[in-house]
Amino acid sequence: MCRNIRPLNNFEPPATGDEVHAAALQYVRKVAGTTKPSAANQAAFDRAVEEVAHTTRHLLAELVTTAPPKNRETEAEKARARARLRYGA
């Protein structure tokens, strides 16, 4: 999985539309192999991003879990701690 795509499920508050769109954009960029499509491919690229975002919103709405919701700040601190271990302070 692309390291820039973050888990969006089971957070309180839930993932925002911007977070879903950013994840969809990263996914389409990875699949397309480009961060900036040519003018000829721009419409298809944009359509794919919107369709992936739409499907992601539906997926997040339907997922069920018994785990308590995760706290964004706690998860961010865990990620920073992992980065410090990996890359040094």
Protein backbone atom coordinates (compact mmCIF):
# COMPACT_ATOMS: atom_id res chain seq x y z
CA MET A 1 0.00 0.00 0.00
CA CYS A 2 1.14 3.52 -0.65
CA ARG A 3 2.51 5.01 2.56
CA ASN A 4 0.64 8.27 1.93
CA ILE A 5 -2.76 6.61 2.11
CA ARG A 6 -3.89 6.60 5.74
CA PRO A 7 -6.51 4.37 7.37
CA LEU A 8 -9.79 6.26 7.54
CA ASN A 9 -12.04 3.80 9.37
CA ASN A 10 -13.12 3.95 13.01
CA PHE A 11 -12.03 7.47 13.92
CA GLU A 12 -13.89 9.93 16.06
CA PRO A 13 -14.79 12.27 14.45
CA PRO A 14 -15.22 10.30 11.21
CA ALA A 15 -13.03 10.93 8.17
CA THR A 16 -13.76 14.19 6.40
CA GLY A 17 -14.56 14.56 2.72
CA ASP A 18 -11.12 16.10 2.22
CA GLU A 19 -9.42 13.07 3.79
CA VAL A 20 -11.42 10.69 1.60
CA HIS A 21 -10.62 12.74 -1.52
CA ALA A 22 -6.90 12.86 -0.65
CA ALA A 23 -6.80 9.08 -0.22
CA ALA A 24 -8.62 8.60 -3.53
CA LEU A 25 -6.22 10.96 -5.28
CA GLN A 26 -3.19 9.08 -3.91
CA TYR A 27 -4.69 5.75 -4.99
CA VAL A 28 -5.41 6.94 -8.54
CA ARG A 29 -1.94 8.51 -8.81
CA LYS A 30 -0.36 5.22 -7.75
CA VAL A 31 -2.42 3.15 -10.20
CA ALA A 32 -1.91 5.63 -13.05
CA GLY A 33 1.80 5.93 -12.34
CA THR A 34 1.71 9.71 -12.51
CA THR A 35 1.02 12.61 -10.19
CA LYS A 36 -0.03 14.93 -13.02
CA PRO A 37 -1.88 13.38 -15.94
CA SER A 38 -1.58 14.75 -19.46
CA ALA A 39 -4.32 17.03 -20.76
CA ALA A 40 -5.66 14.11 -22.80
CA ASN A 41 -6.05 12.01 -19.63
CA GLN A 42 -7.15 14.71 -17.17
CA ALA A 43 -10.89 14.03 -17.47
CA ALA A 44 -10.46 10.28 -16.98
CA PHE A 45 -8.10 10.90 -14.05
CA ASP A 46 -10.52 13.30 -12.34
CA ARG A 47 -13.45 10.97 -12.94
CA ALA A 48 -11.51 8.07 -11.42
CA VAL A 49 -10.67 10.13 -8.32
CA GLU A 50 -14.33 11.05 -7.82
CA GLU A 51 -15.50 7.45 -8.31
CA VAL A 52 -12.91 6.08 -5.87
CA ALA A 53 -13.83 8.77 -3.32
CA HIS A 54 -17.54 7.97 -3.76
CA THR A 55 -16.94 4.26 -3.26
CA THR A 56 -14.70 4.93 -0.26
CA ARG A 57 -17.41 7.03 1.42
CA HIS A 58 -19.89 4.16 0.94
CA LEU A 59 -17.39 1.64 2.29
CA LEU A 60 -16.68 3.72 5.40
CA ALA A 61 -20.41 4.19 6.03
CA GLU A 62 -21.05 0.43 5.90
CA LEU A 63 -18.07 -0.92 7.85
CA VAL A 64 -18.90 -2.27 11.30
CA THR A 65 -16.46 -2.73 14.16
CA THR A 66 -16.64 -3.54 17.84
CA ALA A 67 -13.37 -1.71 18.56
CA PRO A 68 -13.64 1.68 20.23
CA PRO A 69 -13.08 4.66 17.93
CA LYS A 70 -9.48 5.78 17.55
CA ASN A 71 -8.34 9.23 18.59
CA ARG A 72 -6.61 11.17 15.81
CA GLU A 73 -4.09 12.85 18.09
CA THR A 74 -3.12 9.57 19.77
CA GLU A 75 -2.66 7.88 16.39
CA ALA A 76 -0.63 10.83 15.10
CA GLU A 77 1.67 10.65 18.12
CA LYS A 78 2.16 6.91 17.58
CA ALA A 79 3.12 7.63 13.95
CA ARG A 80 5.59 10.32 15.04
CA ALA A 81 7.14 7.89 17.54
CA ARG A 82 7.53 5.24 14.81
CA ALA A 83 9.13 7.84 12.54
CA ARG A 84 11.59 8.87 15.26
CA LEU A 85 12.61 5.23 15.71
CA ARG A 86 12.91 4.70 11.98
CA TYR A 87 14.65 7.93 10.95
CA GLY A 88 16.18 9.17 14.20
CA ALA A 89 15.40 12.33 16.12
